[in-house]
Amino acid sequence: MEEQIVLLTIVGMTLVTYIPRFVPVLALASRTLPEPLIRWLSYVPTAVLSAMLVPSLLLKDTSFDFSVENYFLWAAIPAFILAWRTKSFFGTVALGMGLVAAGRYFLG
């Protein structure tokens, strides 16, 4: 019985994640979207990433944290600038990780 529940859970989770992705692809496969909609949709990944990232950078225990100990925030600023200027994913991640590691090593 336990194996059946696990299998049904996996199948259910697969359907729940697959259907919302498949239906728009199926509905829009043979259509051309208007240019304003394509431009608007290009901002969605940035908006979603920002919505996930900003709270983790700015908040600590439900209050804003702009202290020197907030290494993630201070490392994110030059990483954002590098990402904006170079569009390099690897360079941005490497810079951010290096700055956090340096901050932890030298500042505490």
PDB file of N, CA and C in Angstrom:
ATOM      1  N   MET A   1       0.823  -1.206   0.000  1.00  0.00           N
ATOM      2  CA  MET A   1       0.000   0.000   0.000  1.00  0.00           C
ATOM      3  C   MET A   1       0.858   1.258   0.000  1.00  0.00           C
ATOM      4  N   GLU A   2       1.947   1.229   0.759  1.00  0.00           N
ATOM      5  CA  GLU A   2       2.841   2.386   0.838  1.00  0.00           C
ATOM      6  C   GLU A   2       3.437   2.738  -0.521  1.00  0.00           C
ATOM      7  N   GLU A   3       3.828   1.712  -1.285  1.00  0.00           N
ATOM      8  CA  GLU A   3       4.405   1.959  -2.600  1.00  0.00           C
ATOM      9  C   GLU A   3       3.385   2.562  -3.552  1.00  0.00           C
ATOM     10  N   GLN A   4       2.118   2.145  -3.426  1.00  0.00           N
ATOM     11  CA  GLN A   4       1.069   2.702  -4.270  1.00  0.00           C
ATOM     12  C   GLN A   4       0.871   4.180  -3.999  1.00  0.00           C
ATOM     13  N   ILE A   5       0.894   4.567  -2.737  1.00  0.00           N
ATOM     14  CA  ILE A   5       0.711   5.975  -2.372  1.00  0.00           C
ATOM     15  C   ILE A   5       1.866   6.812  -2.923  1.00  0.00           C
ATOM     16  N   VAL A   6       3.074   6.295  -2.799  1.00  0.00           N
ATOM     17  CA  VAL A   6       4.235   7.018  -3.323  1.00  0.00           C
ATOM     18  C   VAL A   6       4.128   7.145  -4.836  1.00  0.00           C
ATOM     19  N   LEU A   7       3.773   6.077  -5.523  1.00  0.00           N
ATOM     20  CA  LEU A   7       3.634   6.111  -6.974  1.00  0.00           C
ATOM     21  C   LEU A   7       2.536   7.078  -7.402  1.00  0.00           C
ATOM     22  N   LEU A   8       1.377   7.008  -6.751  1.00  0.00           N
ATOM     23  CA  LEU A   8       0.285   7.924  -7.089  1.00  0.00           C
ATOM     24  C   LEU A   8       0.661   9.375  -6.799  1.00  0.00           C
ATOM     25  N   THR A   9       1.409   9.607  -5.753  1.00  0.00           N
ATOM     26  CA  THR A   9       1.865  10.963  -5.437  1.00  0.00           C
ATOM     27  C   THR A   9       2.800  11.478  -6.522  1.00  0.00           C
ATOM     28  N   ILE A  10       3.718  10.638  -6.969  1.00  0.00           N
ATOM     29  CA  ILE A  10       4.647  11.046  -8.036  1.00  0.00           C
ATOM     30  C   ILE A  10       3.893  11.318  -9.332  1.00  0.00           C
ATOM     31  N   VAL A  11       2.954  10.447  -9.685  1.00  0.00           N
ATOM     32  CA  VAL A  11       2.167  10.639 -10.904  1.00  0.00           C
ATOM     33  C   VAL A  11       1.330  11.918 -10.799  1.00  0.00           C
ATOM     34  N   GLY A  12       0.713  12.139  -9.653  1.00  0.00           N
ATOM     35  CA  GLY A  12      -0.088  13.349  -9.451  1.00  0.00           C
ATOM     36  C   GLY A  12       0.750  14.612  -9.534  1.00  0.00           C
ATOM     37  N   MET A  13       1.917  14.586  -8.912  1.00  0.00           N
ATOM     38  CA  MET A  13       2.792  15.754  -8.965  1.00  0.00           C
ATOM     39  C   MET A  13       3.299  16.001 -10.385  1.00  0.00           C
ATOM     40  N   THR A  14       3.537  14.932 -11.116  1.00  0.00           N
ATOM     41  CA  THR A  14       3.964  15.073 -12.503  1.00  0.00           C
ATOM     42  C   THR A  14       2.882  15.748 -13.335  1.00  0.00           C
ATOM     43  N   LEU A  15       1.647  15.310 -13.168  1.00  0.00           N
ATOM     44  CA  LEU A  15       0.538  15.909 -13.926  1.00  0.00           C
ATOM     45  C   LEU A  15       0.324  17.367 -13.539  1.00  0.00           C
ATOM     46  N   VAL A  16       0.407  17.651 -12.262  1.00  0.00           N
ATOM     47  CA  VAL A  16       0.175  19.017 -11.790  1.00  0.00           C
ATOM     48  C   VAL A  16       1.238  19.975 -12.326  1.00  0.00           C
ATOM     49  N   THR A  17       2.460  19.517 -12.500  1.00  0.00           N
ATOM     50  CA  THR A  17       3.499  20.403 -13.032  1.00  0.00           C
ATOM     51  C   THR A  17       3.568  20.372 -14.553  1.00  0.00           C
ATOM     52  N   TYR A  18       3.211  19.265 -15.171  1.00  0.00           N
ATOM     53  CA  TYR A  18       3.332  19.139 -16.621  1.00  0.00           C
ATOM     54  C   TYR A  18       2.186  19.834 -17.355  1.00  0.00           C
ATOM     55  N   ILE A  19       0.972  19.675 -16.884  1.00  0.00           N
ATOM     56  CA  ILE A  19      -0.195  20.231 -17.581  1.00  0.00           C
ATOM     57  C   ILE A  19      -0.124  21.755 -17.717  1.00  0.00           C
ATOM     58  N   PRO A  20       0.164  22.514 -16.638  1.00  0.00           N
ATOM     59  CA  PRO A  20       0.242  23.974 -16.820  1.00  0.00           C
ATOM     60  C   PRO A  20       1.360  24.420 -17.769  1.00  0.00           C
ATOM     61  N   ARG A  21       2.351  23.602 -17.974  1.00  0.00           N
ATOM     62  CA  ARG A  21       3.409  23.958 -18.923  1.00  0.00           C
ATOM     63  C   ARG A  21       3.048  23.546 -20.347  1.00  0.00           C
ATOM     64  N   PHE A  22       2.344  22.452 -20.484  1.00  0.00           N
ATOM     65  CA  PHE A  22       2.035  21.906 -21.799  1.00  0.00           C
ATOM     66  C   PHE A  22       0.886  22.645 -22.478  1.00  0.00           C
ATOM     67  N   VAL A  23      -0.124  23.035 -21.723  1.00  0.00           N
ATOM     68  CA  VAL A  23      -1.313  23.666 -22.320  1.00  0.00           C
ATOM     69  C   VAL A  23      -0.963  24.960 -23.058  1.00  0.00           C
ATOM     70  N   PRO A  24      -0.190  25.890 -22.472  1.00  0.00           N
ATOM     71  CA  PRO A  24       0.154  27.099 -23.256  1.00  0.00           C
ATOM     72  C   PRO A  24       0.988  26.788 -24.498  1.00  0.00           C
ATOM     73  N   VAL A  25       1.882  25.825 -24.411  1.00  0.00           N
ATOM     74  CA  VAL A  25       2.679  25.461 -25.585  1.00  0.00           C
ATOM     75  C   VAL A  25       1.769  24.906 -26.665  1.00  0.00           C
ATOM     76  N   LEU A  26       0.835  24.072 -26.294  1.00  0.00           N
ATOM     77  CA  LEU A  26      -0.097  23.496 -27.255  1.00  0.00           C
ATOM     78  C   LEU A  26      -0.990  24.578 -27.858  1.00  0.00           C
ATOM     79  N   ALA A  27      -1.476  25.495 -27.030  1.00  0.00           N
ATOM     80  CA  ALA A  27      -2.395  26.527 -27.513  1.00  0.00           C
ATOM     81  C   ALA A  27      -1.692  27.570 -28.378  1.00  0.00           C
ATOM     82  N   LEU A  28      -0.410  27.832 -28.127  1.00  0.00           N
ATOM     83  CA  LEU A  28       0.274  28.911 -28.836  1.00  0.00           C
ATOM     84  C   LEU A  28       1.272  28.427 -29.885  1.00  0.00           C
ATOM     85  N   ALA A  29       1.337  27.133 -30.119  1.00  0.00           N
ATOM     86  CA  ALA A  29       2.354  26.581 -31.017  1.00  0.00           C
ATOM     87  C   ALA A  29       2.236  27.107 -32.444  1.00  0.00           C
ATOM     88  N   SER A  30       1.046  27.300 -32.926  1.00  0.00           N
ATOM     89  CA  SER A  30       0.884  27.706 -34.325  1.00  0.00           C
ATOM     90  C   SER A  30       0.513  29.180 -34.459  1.00  0.00           C
ATOM     91  N   ARG A  31       0.657  29.948 -33.405  1.00  0.00           N
ATOM     92  CA  ARG A  31       0.284  31.362 -33.440  1.00  0.00           C
ATOM     93  C   ARG A  31       1.499  32.252 -33.265  1.00  0.00           C
ATOM     94  N   THR A  32       1.390  33.446 -33.791  1.00  0.00           N
ATOM     95  CA  THR A  32       2.407  34.469 -33.574  1.00  0.00           C
ATOM     96  C   THR A  32       1.832  35.482 -32.598  1.00  0.00           C
ATOM     97  N   LEU A  33       2.550  35.728 -31.532  1.00  0.00           N
ATOM     98  CA  LEU A  33       2.076  36.671 -30.525  1.00  0.00           C
ATOM     99  C   LEU A  33       2.369  38.102 -30.963  1.00  0.00           C
ATOM    100  N   PRO A  34       1.526  39.035 -30.550  1.00  0.00           N
ATOM    101  CA  PRO A  34       1.784  40.446 -30.876  1.00  0.00           C
ATOM    102  C   PRO A  34       3.082  40.929 -30.215  1.00  0.00           C
ATOM    103  N   GLU A  35       3.762  41.842 -30.870  1.00  0.00           N
ATOM    104  CA  GLU A  35       5.048  42.355 -30.388  1.00  0.00           C
ATOM    105  C   GLU A  35       4.957  42.955 -28.976  1.00  0.00           C
ATOM    106  N   PRO A  36       3.920  43.741 -28.634  1.00  0.00           N
ATOM    107  CA  PRO A  36       3.856  44.267 -27.260  1.00  0.00           C
ATOM    108  C   PRO A  36       3.762  43.155 -26.201  1.00  0.00           C
ATOM    109  N   LEU A  37       3.065  42.074 -26.513  1.00  0.00           N
ATOM    110  CA  LEU A  37       2.959  40.959 -25.578  1.00  0.00           C
ATOM    111  C   LEU A  37       4.300  40.248 -25.426  1.00  0.00           C
ATOM    112  N   ILE A  38       5.019  40.062 -26.525  1.00  0.00           N
ATOM    113  CA  ILE A  38       6.340  39.436 -26.464  1.00  0.00           C
ATOM    114  C   ILE A  38       7.285  40.293 -25.627  1.00  0.00           C
ATOM    115  N   ARG A  39       7.240  41.611 -25.838  1.00  0.00           N
ATOM    116  CA  ARG A  39       8.091  42.512 -25.055  1.00  0.00           C
ATOM    117  C   ARG A  39       7.722  42.454 -23.573  1.00  0.00           C
ATOM    118  N   TRP A  40       6.412  42.441 -23.276  1.00  0.00           N
ATOM    119  CA  TRP A  40       5.959  42.367 -21.888  1.00  0.00           C
ATOM    120  C   TRP A  40       6.388  41.045 -21.246  1.00  0.00           C
ATOM    121  N   LEU A  41       6.267  39.945 -21.973  1.00  0.00           N
ATOM    122  CA  LEU A  41       6.661  38.644 -21.444  1.00  0.00           C
ATOM    123  C   LEU A  41       8.166  38.542 -21.201  1.00  0.00           C
ATOM    124  N   SER A  42       8.960  39.343 -21.892  1.00  0.00           N
ATOM    125  CA  SER A  42      10.406  39.297 -21.688  1.00  0.00           C
ATOM    126  C   SER A  42      10.802  39.797 -20.306  1.00  0.00           C
ATOM    127  N   TYR A  43       9.931  40.551 -19.636  1.00  0.00           N
ATOM    128  CA  TYR A  43      10.225  41.054 -18.297  1.00  0.00           C
ATOM    129  C   TYR A  43       9.842  40.072 -17.188  1.00  0.00           C
ATOM    130  N   VAL A  44       9.105  39.044 -17.512  1.00  0.00           N
ATOM    131  CA  VAL A  44       8.630  38.109 -16.490  1.00  0.00           C
ATOM    132  C   VAL A  44       9.772  37.414 -15.752  1.00  0.00           C
ATOM    133  N   PRO A  45      10.788  36.854 -16.427  1.00  0.00           N
ATOM    134  CA  PRO A  45      11.869  36.199 -15.667  1.00  0.00           C
ATOM    135  C   PRO A  45      12.579  37.143 -14.701  1.00  0.00           C
ATOM    136  N   THR A  46      12.825  38.376 -15.129  1.00  0.00           N
ATOM    137  CA  THR A  46      13.484  39.349 -14.253  1.00  0.00           C
ATOM    138  C   THR A  46      12.603  39.679 -13.056  1.00  0.00           C
ATOM    139  N   ALA A  47      11.323  39.837 -13.277  1.00  0.00           N
ATOM    140  CA  ALA A  47      10.414  40.160 -12.182  1.00  0.00           C
ATOM    141  C   ALA A  47      10.315  39.015 -11.181  1.00  0.00           C
ATOM    142  N   VAL A  48      10.243  37.791 -11.673  1.00  0.00           N
ATOM    143  CA  VAL A  48      10.142  36.636 -10.777  1.00  0.00           C
ATOM    144  C   VAL A  48      11.432  36.466  -9.980  1.00  0.00           C
ATOM    145  N   LEU A  49      12.578  36.581 -10.644  1.00  0.00           N
ATOM    146  CA  LEU A  49      13.851  36.466  -9.945  1.00  0.00           C
ATOM    147  C   LEU A  49      13.997  37.565  -8.897  1.00  0.00           C
ATOM    148  N   SER A  50      13.618  38.775  -9.231  1.00  0.00           N
ATOM    149  CA  SER A  50      13.689  39.875  -8.267  1.00  0.00           C
ATOM    150  C   SER A  50      12.773  39.636  -7.078  1.00  0.00           C
ATOM    151  N   ALA A  51      11.580  39.141  -7.337  1.00  0.00           N
ATOM    152  CA  ALA A  51      10.644  38.880  -6.247  1.00  0.00           C
ATOM    153  C   ALA A  51      11.158  37.810  -5.301  1.00  0.00           C
ATOM    154  N   MET A  52      11.937  36.865  -5.806  1.00  0.00           N
ATOM    155  CA  MET A  52      12.499  35.829  -4.939  1.00  0.00           C
ATOM    156  C   MET A  52      13.778  36.300  -4.250  1.00  0.00           C
ATOM    157  N   LEU A  53      14.549  37.136  -4.921  1.00  0.00           N
ATOM    158  CA  LEU A  53      15.866  37.504  -4.421  1.00  0.00           C
ATOM    159  C   LEU A  53      15.855  38.669  -3.439  1.00  0.00           C
ATOM    160  N   VAL A  54      15.089  39.703  -3.700  1.00  0.00           N
ATOM    161  CA  VAL A  54      15.127  40.916  -2.876  1.00  0.00           C
ATOM    162  C   VAL A  54      14.799  40.656  -1.410  1.00  0.00           C
ATOM    163  N   PRO A  55      13.764  39.895  -1.075  1.00  0.00           N
ATOM    164  CA  PRO A  55      13.516  39.654   0.351  1.00  0.00           C
ATOM    165  C   PRO A  55      14.670  38.936   1.053  1.00  0.00           C
ATOM    166  N   SER A  56      15.320  38.015   0.368  1.00  0.00           N
ATOM    167  CA  SER A  56      16.421  37.305   1.018  1.00  0.00           C
ATOM    168  C   SER A  56      17.651  38.189   1.173  1.00  0.00           C
ATOM    169  N   LEU A  57      17.781  39.216   0.352  1.00  0.00           N
ATOM    170  CA  LEU A  57      18.907  40.133   0.484  1.00  0.00           C
ATOM    171  C   LEU A  57      18.665  41.222   1.525  1.00  0.00           C
ATOM    172  N   LEU A  58      17.437  41.680   1.636  1.00  0.00           N
ATOM    173  CA  LEU A  58      17.158  42.843   2.475  1.00  0.00           C
ATOM    174  C   LEU A  58      16.593  42.525   3.850  1.00  0.00           C
ATOM    175  N   LEU A  59      15.941  41.382   4.003  1.00  0.00           N
ATOM    176  CA  LEU A  59      15.247  41.100   5.254  1.00  0.00           C
ATOM    177  C   LEU A  59      15.973  40.056   6.085  1.00  0.00           C
ATOM    178  N   LYS A  60      15.973  40.291   7.388  1.00  0.00           N
ATOM    179  CA  LYS A  60      16.477  39.306   8.343  1.00  0.00           C
ATOM    180  C   LYS A  60      15.532  39.337   9.536  1.00  0.00           C
ATOM    181  N   ASP A  61      14.896  38.227   9.799  1.00  0.00           N
ATOM    182  CA  ASP A  61      13.922  38.144  10.892  1.00  0.00           C
ATOM    183  C   ASP A  61      12.846  39.217  10.768  1.00  0.00           C
ATOM    184  N   THR A  62      12.263  39.352   9.603  1.00  0.00           N
ATOM    185  CA  THR A  62      11.155  40.258   9.270  1.00  0.00           C
ATOM    186  C   THR A  62      11.483  41.741   9.433  1.00  0.00           C
ATOM    187  N   SER A  63      12.751  42.122   9.476  1.00  0.00           N
ATOM    188  CA  SER A  63      13.121  43.536   9.499  1.00  0.00           C
ATOM    189  C   SER A  63      14.263  43.757   8.515  1.00  0.00           C
ATOM    190  N   PHE A  64      14.363  44.977   8.038  1.00  0.00           N
ATOM    191  CA  PHE A  64      15.410  45.301   7.083  1.00  0.00           C
ATOM    192  C   PHE A  64      16.778  45.192   7.737  1.00  0.00           C
ATOM    193  N   ASP A  65      17.743  44.667   6.990  1.00  0.00           N
ATOM    194  CA  ASP A  65      19.095  44.494   7.511  1.00  0.00           C
ATOM    195  C   ASP A  65      20.092  45.106   6.536  1.00  0.00           C
ATOM    196  N   PHE A  66      20.549  46.322   6.871  1.00  0.00           N
ATOM    197  CA  PHE A  66      21.545  47.007   6.061  1.00  0.00           C
ATOM    198  C   PHE A  66      22.890  47.052   6.786  1.00  0.00           C
ATOM    199  N   SER A  67      23.087  46.120   7.707  1.00  0.00           N
ATOM    200  CA  SER A  67      24.307  46.128   8.507  1.00  0.00           C
ATOM    201  C   SER A  67      25.488  45.599   7.705  1.00  0.00           C
ATOM    202  N   VAL A  68      26.688  45.790   8.250  1.00  0.00           N
ATOM    203  CA  VAL A  68      27.907  45.308   7.609  1.00  0.00           C
ATOM    204  C   VAL A  68      27.923  43.790   7.570  1.00  0.00           C
ATOM    205  N   GLU A  69      27.237  43.134   8.505  1.00  0.00           N
ATOM    206  CA  GLU A  69      27.220  41.671   8.562  1.00  0.00           C
ATOM    207  C   GLU A  69      26.354  41.031   7.486  1.00  0.00           C
ATOM    208  N   ASN A  70      25.582  41.819   6.773  1.00  0.00           N
ATOM    209  CA  ASN A  70      24.750  41.286   5.693  1.00  0.00           C
ATOM    210  C   ASN A  70      25.610  41.150   4.434  1.00  0.00           C
ATOM    211  N   TYR A  71      26.468  40.130   4.426  1.00  0.00           N
ATOM    212  CA  TYR A  71      27.413  39.929   3.322  1.00  0.00           C
ATOM    213  C   TYR A  71      26.713  39.723   1.987  1.00  0.00           C
ATOM    214  N   PHE A  72      25.573  39.080   2.020  1.00  0.00           N
ATOM    215  CA  PHE A  72      24.855  38.799   0.777  1.00  0.00           C
ATOM    216  C   PHE A  72      24.418  40.085   0.083  1.00  0.00           C
ATOM    217  N   LEU A  73      23.937  41.045   0.849  1.00  0.00           N
ATOM    218  CA  LEU A  73      23.509  42.315   0.268  1.00  0.00           C
ATOM    219  C   LEU A  73      24.695  43.061  -0.333  1.00  0.00           C
ATOM    220  N   TRP A  74      25.767  43.183   0.409  1.00  0.00           N
ATOM    221  CA  TRP A  74      26.923  43.950  -0.069  1.00  0.00           C
ATOM    222  C   TRP A  74      27.638  43.239  -1.212  1.00  0.00           C
ATOM    223  N   ALA A  75      27.590  41.935  -1.257  1.00  0.00           N
ATOM    224  CA  ALA A  75      28.169  41.206  -2.395  1.00  0.00           C
ATOM    225  C   ALA A  75      27.263  41.302  -3.622  1.00  0.00           C
ATOM    226  N   ALA A  76      25.964  41.445  -3.400  1.00  0.00           N
ATOM    227  CA  ALA A  76      25.021  41.498  -4.515  1.00  0.00           C
ATOM    228  C   ALA A  76      25.162  42.789  -5.318  1.00  0.00           C
ATOM    229  N   ILE A  77      25.536  43.875  -4.675  1.00  0.00           N
ATOM    230  CA  ILE A  77      25.608  45.162  -5.380  1.00  0.00           C
ATOM    231  C   ILE A  77      26.640  45.122  -6.513  1.00  0.00           C
ATOM    232  N   PRO A  78      27.918  44.766  -6.241  1.00  0.00           N
ATOM    233  CA  PRO A  78      28.848  44.677  -7.374  1.00  0.00           C
ATOM    234  C   PRO A  78      28.501  43.539  -8.338  1.00  0.00           C
ATOM    235  N   ALA A  79      27.890  42.469  -7.832  1.00  0.00           N
ATOM    236  CA  ALA A  79      27.492  41.371  -8.725  1.00  0.00           C
ATOM    237  C   ALA A  79      26.401  41.835  -9.687  1.00  0.00           C
ATOM    238  N   PHE A  80      25.449  42.629  -9.203  1.00  0.00           N
ATOM    239  CA  PHE A  80      24.411  43.172 -10.083  1.00  0.00           C
ATOM    240  C   PHE A  80      25.022  44.080 -11.147  1.00  0.00           C
ATOM    241  N   ILE A  81      25.975  44.906 -10.737  1.00  0.00           N
ATOM    242  CA  ILE A  81      26.620  45.805 -11.693  1.00  0.00           C
ATOM    243  C   ILE A  81      27.366  45.004 -12.759  1.00  0.00           C
ATOM    244  N   LEU A  82      28.094  43.976 -12.330  1.00  0.00           N
ATOM    245  CA  LEU A  82      28.801  43.132 -13.291  1.00  0.00           C
ATOM    246  C   LEU A  82      27.827  42.436 -14.239  1.00  0.00           C
ATOM    247  N   ALA A  83      26.733  41.917 -13.704  1.00  0.00           N
ATOM    248  CA  ALA A  83      25.742  41.237 -14.541  1.00  0.00           C
ATOM    249  C   ALA A  83      25.135  42.199 -15.553  1.00  0.00           C
ATOM    250  N   TRP A  84      24.850  43.398 -15.120  1.00  0.00           N
ATOM    251  CA  TRP A  84      24.250  44.392 -15.998  1.00  0.00           C
ATOM    252  C   TRP A  84      25.207  44.800 -17.115  1.00  0.00           C
ATOM    253  N   ARG A  85      26.487  44.966 -16.766  1.00  0.00           N
ATOM    254  CA  ARG A  85      27.464  45.433 -17.743  1.00  0.00           C
ATOM    255  C   ARG A  85      27.927  44.329 -18.695  1.00  0.00           C
ATOM    256  N   THR A  86      28.143  43.110 -18.183  1.00  0.00           N
ATOM    257  CA  THR A  86      28.751  42.065 -19.003  1.00  0.00           C
ATOM    258  C   THR A  86      27.780  40.992 -19.472  1.00  0.00           C
ATOM    259  N   LYS A  87      26.647  40.855 -18.817  1.00  0.00           N
ATOM    260  CA  LYS A  87      25.671  39.790 -19.108  1.00  0.00           C
ATOM    261  C   LYS A  87      26.287  38.404 -18.932  1.00  0.00           C
ATOM    262  N   SER A  88      27.292  38.301 -18.066  1.00  0.00           N
ATOM    263  CA  SER A  88      27.994  37.045 -17.841  1.00  0.00           C
ATOM    264  C   SER A  88      27.447  36.359 -16.593  1.00  0.00           C
ATOM    265  N   PHE A  89      26.766  35.243 -16.785  1.00  0.00           N
ATOM    266  CA  PHE A  89      26.209  34.507 -15.662  1.00  0.00           C
ATOM    267  C   PHE A  89      27.317  33.944 -14.772  1.00  0.00           C
ATOM    268  N   PHE A  90      28.296  33.286 -15.390  1.00  0.00           N
ATOM    269  CA  PHE A  90      29.375  32.676 -14.620  1.00  0.00           C
ATOM    270  C   PHE A  90      30.180  33.731 -13.867  1.00  0.00           C
ATOM    271  N   GLY A  91      30.506  34.820 -14.530  1.00  0.00           N
ATOM    272  CA  GLY A  91      31.257  35.882 -13.878  1.00  0.00           C
ATOM    273  C   GLY A  91      30.504  36.485 -12.706  1.00  0.00           C
ATOM    274  N   THR A  92      29.202  36.664 -12.850  1.00  0.00           N
ATOM    275  CA  THR A  92      28.388  37.225 -11.785  1.00  0.00           C
ATOM    276  C   THR A  92      28.343  36.296 -10.581  1.00  0.00           C
ATOM    277  N   VAL A  93      28.112  35.011 -10.830  1.00  0.00           N
ATOM    278  CA  VAL A  93      28.066  34.035  -9.736  1.00  0.00           C
ATOM    279  C   VAL A  93      29.425  33.934  -9.057  1.00  0.00           C
ATOM    280  N   ALA A  94      30.488  33.891  -9.845  1.00  0.00           N
ATOM    281  CA  ALA A  94      31.834  33.789  -9.267  1.00  0.00           C
ATOM    282  C   ALA A  94      32.167  35.020  -8.429  1.00  0.00           C
ATOM    283  N   LEU A  95      31.839  36.207  -8.926  1.00  0.00           N
ATOM    284  CA  LEU A  95      32.102  37.428  -8.160  1.00  0.00           C
ATOM    285  C   LEU A  95      31.298  37.440  -6.862  1.00  0.00           C
ATOM    286  N   GLY A  96      30.018  37.125  -6.937  1.00  0.00           N
ATOM    287  CA  GLY A  96      29.187  37.120  -5.732  1.00  0.00           C
ATOM    288  C   GLY A  96      29.672  36.123  -4.700  1.00  0.00           C
ATOM    289  N   MET A  97      29.987  34.916  -5.134  1.00  0.00           N
ATOM    290  CA  MET A  97      30.481  33.904  -4.194  1.00  0.00           C
ATOM    291  C   MET A  97      31.827  34.319  -3.607  1.00  0.00           C
ATOM    292  N   GLY A  98      32.693  34.879  -4.436  1.00  0.00           N
ATOM    293  CA  GLY A  98      33.994  35.315  -3.957  1.00  0.00           C
ATOM    294  C   GLY A  98      33.878  36.445  -2.947  1.00  0.00           C
ATOM    295  N   LEU A  99      32.984  37.381  -3.184  1.00  0.00           N
ATOM    296  CA  LEU A  99      32.812  38.492  -2.250  1.00  0.00           C
ATOM    297  C   LEU A  99      32.205  38.038  -0.928  1.00  0.00           C
ATOM    298  N   VAL A 100      31.252  37.113  -0.969  1.00  0.00           N
ATOM    299  CA  VAL A 100      30.679  36.589   0.271  1.00  0.00           C
ATOM    300  C   VAL A 100      31.749  35.833   1.051  1.00  0.00           C
ATOM    301  N   ALA A 101      32.520  35.020   0.354  1.00  0.00           N
ATOM    302  CA  ALA A 101      33.591  34.267   1.025  1.00  0.00           C
ATOM    303  C   ALA A 101      34.630  35.209   1.619  1.00  0.00           C
ATOM    304  N   ALA A 102      35.010  36.240   0.899  1.00  0.00           N
ATOM    305  CA  ALA A 102      35.981  37.218   1.404  1.00  0.00           C
ATOM    306  C   ALA A 102      35.421  37.968   2.608  1.00  0.00           C
ATOM    307  N   GLY A 103      34.148  38.343   2.528  1.00  0.00           N
ATOM    308  CA  GLY A 103      33.528  39.038   3.660  1.00  0.00           C
ATOM    309  C   GLY A 103      33.496  38.186   4.902  1.00  0.00           C
ATOM    310  N   ARG A 104      33.148  36.944   4.735  1.00  0.00           N
ATOM    311  CA  ARG A 104      33.134  36.030   5.903  1.00  0.00           C
ATOM    312  C   ARG A 104      34.533  35.778   6.451  1.00  0.00           C
ATOM    313  N   TYR A 105      35.497  35.705   5.564  1.00  0.00           N
ATOM    314  CA  TYR A 105      36.879  35.412   6.003  1.00  0.00           C
ATOM    315  C   TYR A 105      37.506  36.618   6.701  1.00  0.00           C
ATOM    316  N   PHE A 106      37.388  37.791   6.086  1.00  0.00           N
ATOM    317  CA  PHE A 106      38.062  38.966   6.612  1.00  0.00           C
ATOM    318  C   PHE A 106      37.261  39.739   7.667  1.00  0.00           C
ATOM    319  N   LEU A 107      35.929  39.688   7.569  1.00  0.00           N
ATOM    320  CA  LEU A 107      35.105  40.483   8.488  1.00  0.00           C
ATOM    321  C   LEU A 107      34.452  39.669   9.592  1.00  0.00           C
ATOM    322  N   GLY A 108      34.532  38.402   9.512  1.00  0.00           N
ATOM    323  CA  GLY A 108      33.946  37.693  10.616  1.00  0.00           C
ATOM    324  C   GLY A 108      33.511  36.330  10.322  1.00  0.00           C
TER     325      GLY A 108
END
